[in-house]
Amino acid sequence: MEAKNTVLEVMKKEGKALSAGQIAEKSGLDRKEIDKAMKALKKEELIVSPKRCYWEPKK
């Protein structure tokens, strides 16, 4: 699943917590793909939410 890698790369590059909409703008991916990728990343505990609806890579 390459969308997962793209989402993680965008988050790391920005260096701050992002919403799914912001990730969509910066990556050019479809919002549904991003939601699916983020769900997988959450399950693998690779991303965390510092505030509601915003996500960043786990440190």
N, C-alpha and C. Protein backbone atom coordinates (compact mmCIF):
# COMPACT_ATOMS: atom_id res chain seq x y z
N MET A 1 0.85 -1.20 0.00
CA MET A 1 0.00 0.00 0.00
C MET A 1 0.89 1.25 0.00
N GLU A 2 1.02 1.87 -1.14
CA GLU A 2 1.91 3.02 -1.23
C GLU A 2 1.31 4.30 -0.66
N ALA A 3 -0.01 4.41 -0.56
CA ALA A 3 -0.65 5.59 0.02
C ALA A 3 -0.22 5.76 1.47
N LYS A 4 -0.05 4.65 2.17
CA LYS A 4 0.37 4.68 3.56
C LYS A 4 1.75 5.34 3.68
N ASN A 5 2.65 4.96 2.80
CA ASN A 5 4.00 5.53 2.82
C ASN A 5 3.97 7.01 2.46
N THR A 6 3.15 7.38 1.49
CA THR A 6 3.03 8.78 1.08
C THR A 6 2.52 9.64 2.23
N VAL A 7 1.48 9.16 2.91
CA VAL A 7 0.90 9.90 4.04
C VAL A 7 1.96 10.10 5.13
N LEU A 8 2.69 9.05 5.44
CA LEU A 8 3.71 9.13 6.48
C LEU A 8 4.83 10.09 6.08
N GLU A 9 5.23 10.07 4.81
CA GLU A 9 6.27 10.97 4.33
C GLU A 9 5.84 12.44 4.41
N VAL A 10 4.60 12.72 4.02
CA VAL A 10 4.08 14.10 4.09
C VAL A 10 4.10 14.58 5.54
N MET A 11 3.67 13.73 6.46
CA MET A 11 3.66 14.10 7.88
C MET A 11 5.08 14.39 8.39
N LYS A 12 6.02 13.54 8.03
CA LYS A 12 7.41 13.72 8.48
C LYS A 12 8.01 14.99 7.89
N LYS A 13 7.72 15.24 6.61
CA LYS A 13 8.26 16.41 5.92
C LYS A 13 7.76 17.71 6.54
N GLU A 14 6.48 17.75 6.89
CA GLU A 14 5.89 18.96 7.46
C GLU A 14 6.38 19.23 8.89
N GLY A 15 6.61 18.18 9.64
CA GLY A 15 7.13 18.35 10.99
C GLY A 15 6.12 18.87 12.00
N LYS A 16 4.84 18.78 11.67
CA LYS A 16 3.79 19.21 12.60
C LYS A 16 2.56 18.35 12.36
N ALA A 17 1.62 18.42 13.28
CA ALA A 17 0.38 17.65 13.16
C ALA A 17 -0.46 18.20 12.01
N LEU A 18 -1.01 17.29 11.21
CA LEU A 18 -1.82 17.67 10.05
C LEU A 18 -3.18 16.98 10.07
N SER A 19 -4.16 17.62 9.47
CA SER A 19 -5.46 16.98 9.30
C SER A 19 -5.44 16.20 7.99
N ALA A 20 -6.42 15.34 7.81
CA ALA A 20 -6.50 14.55 6.58
C ALA A 20 -6.65 15.46 5.37
N GLY A 21 -7.38 16.55 5.51
CA GLY A 21 -7.55 17.50 4.41
C GLY A 21 -6.25 18.15 3.99
N GLN A 22 -5.43 18.50 4.97
CA GLN A 22 -4.12 19.10 4.68
C GLN A 22 -3.21 18.10 3.99
N ILE A 23 -3.28 16.85 4.42
CA ILE A 23 -2.47 15.81 3.79
C ILE A 23 -2.91 15.62 2.34
N ALA A 24 -4.21 15.67 2.10
CA ALA A 24 -4.75 15.53 0.74
C ALA A 24 -4.22 16.64 -0.16
N GLU A 25 -4.21 17.87 0.34
CA GLU A 25 -3.71 19.01 -0.43
C GLU A 25 -2.23 18.84 -0.79
N LYS A 26 -1.44 18.43 0.19
CA LYS A 26 0.00 18.35 0.00
C LYS A 26 0.46 17.12 -0.79
N SER A 27 -0.31 16.04 -0.71
CA SER A 27 0.10 14.80 -1.37
C SER A 27 -0.54 14.59 -2.73
N GLY A 28 -1.71 15.20 -2.94
CA GLY A 28 -2.42 14.99 -4.19
C GLY A 28 -3.22 13.70 -4.23
N LEU A 29 -3.25 12.99 -3.11
CA LEU A 29 -4.01 11.74 -3.04
C LEU A 29 -5.48 12.03 -2.79
N ASP A 30 -6.32 11.06 -3.12
CA ASP A 30 -7.75 11.16 -2.87
C ASP A 30 -8.01 11.03 -1.37
N ARG A 31 -8.99 11.76 -0.86
CA ARG A 31 -9.28 11.77 0.57
C ARG A 31 -9.63 10.36 1.09
N LYS A 32 -10.33 9.57 0.29
CA LYS A 32 -10.69 8.22 0.72
C LYS A 32 -9.45 7.34 0.89
N GLU A 33 -8.49 7.51 -0.01
CA GLU A 33 -7.22 6.77 0.10
C GLU A 33 -6.48 7.16 1.38
N ILE A 34 -6.48 8.44 1.68
CA ILE A 34 -5.80 8.95 2.87
C ILE A 34 -6.46 8.40 4.13
N ASP A 35 -7.79 8.41 4.17
CA ASP A 35 -8.50 7.88 5.34
C ASP A 35 -8.18 6.41 5.56
N LYS A 36 -8.12 5.65 4.48
CA LYS A 36 -7.81 4.22 4.57
C LYS A 36 -6.37 4.02 5.05
N ALA A 37 -5.45 4.82 4.51
CA ALA A 37 -4.05 4.72 4.90
C ALA A 37 -3.86 5.11 6.37
N MET A 38 -4.54 6.17 6.79
CA MET A 38 -4.42 6.62 8.18
C MET A 38 -4.99 5.59 9.15
N LYS A 39 -6.05 4.93 8.75
CA LYS A 39 -6.64 3.89 9.59
C LYS A 39 -5.61 2.77 9.81
N ALA A 40 -4.92 2.38 8.74
CA ALA A 40 -3.89 1.34 8.84
C ALA A 40 -2.71 1.82 9.69
N LEU A 41 -2.31 3.07 9.51
CA LEU A 41 -1.20 3.62 10.29
C LEU A 41 -1.54 3.69 11.79
N LYS A 42 -2.80 4.04 12.10
CA LYS A 42 -3.24 4.08 13.50
C LYS A 42 -3.19 2.68 14.10
N LYS A 43 -3.65 1.70 13.33
CA LYS A 43 -3.68 0.32 13.80
C LYS A 43 -2.27 -0.19 14.09
N GLU A 44 -1.31 0.22 13.27
CA GLU A 44 0.10 -0.17 13.44
C GLU A 44 0.82 0.72 14.46
N GLU A 45 0.10 1.71 14.99
CA GLU A 45 0.63 2.65 15.98
C GLU A 45 1.83 3.44 15.46
N LEU A 46 1.77 3.83 14.19
CA LEU A 46 2.84 4.64 13.58
C LEU A 46 2.53 6.13 13.62
N ILE A 47 1.25 6.47 13.88
CA ILE A 47 0.87 7.87 14.00
C ILE A 47 0.07 8.06 15.29
N VAL A 48 0.13 9.28 15.82
CA VAL A 48 -0.60 9.63 17.04
C VAL A 48 -1.32 10.95 16.83
N SER A 49 -2.33 11.19 17.66
CA SER A 49 -3.11 12.41 17.55
C SER A 49 -2.86 13.31 18.76
N PRO A 50 -2.13 14.43 18.56
CA PRO A 50 -1.90 15.36 19.66
C PRO A 50 -3.14 16.20 19.99
N LYS A 51 -4.02 16.38 19.00
CA LYS A 51 -5.29 17.06 19.23
C LYS A 51 -6.31 16.50 18.24
N ARG A 52 -7.54 16.71 18.52
CA ARG A 52 -8.62 16.11 17.74
C ARG A 52 -8.50 16.41 16.25
N CYS A 53 -8.58 15.36 15.44
CA CYS A 53 -8.57 15.42 13.98
C CYS A 53 -7.22 15.80 13.37
N TYR A 54 -6.18 15.85 14.16
CA TYR A 54 -4.84 16.13 13.65
C TYR A 54 -3.93 14.96 14.02
N TRP A 55 -3.05 14.61 13.09
CA TRP A 55 -2.19 13.45 13.28
C TRP A 55 -0.75 13.79 12.96
N GLU A 56 0.18 13.08 13.62
CA GLU A 56 1.60 13.23 13.36
C GLU A 56 2.28 11.89 13.56
N PRO A 57 3.47 11.69 13.00
CA PRO A 57 4.19 10.43 13.18
C PRO A 57 4.53 10.22 14.65
N LYS A 58 4.49 8.98 15.09
CA LYS A 58 4.85 8.66 16.46
C LYS A 58 6.35 8.84 16.61
N LYS A 59 6.77 9.43 17.71
CA LYS A 59 8.19 9.71 17.93
C LYS A 59 8.88 8.57 18.61
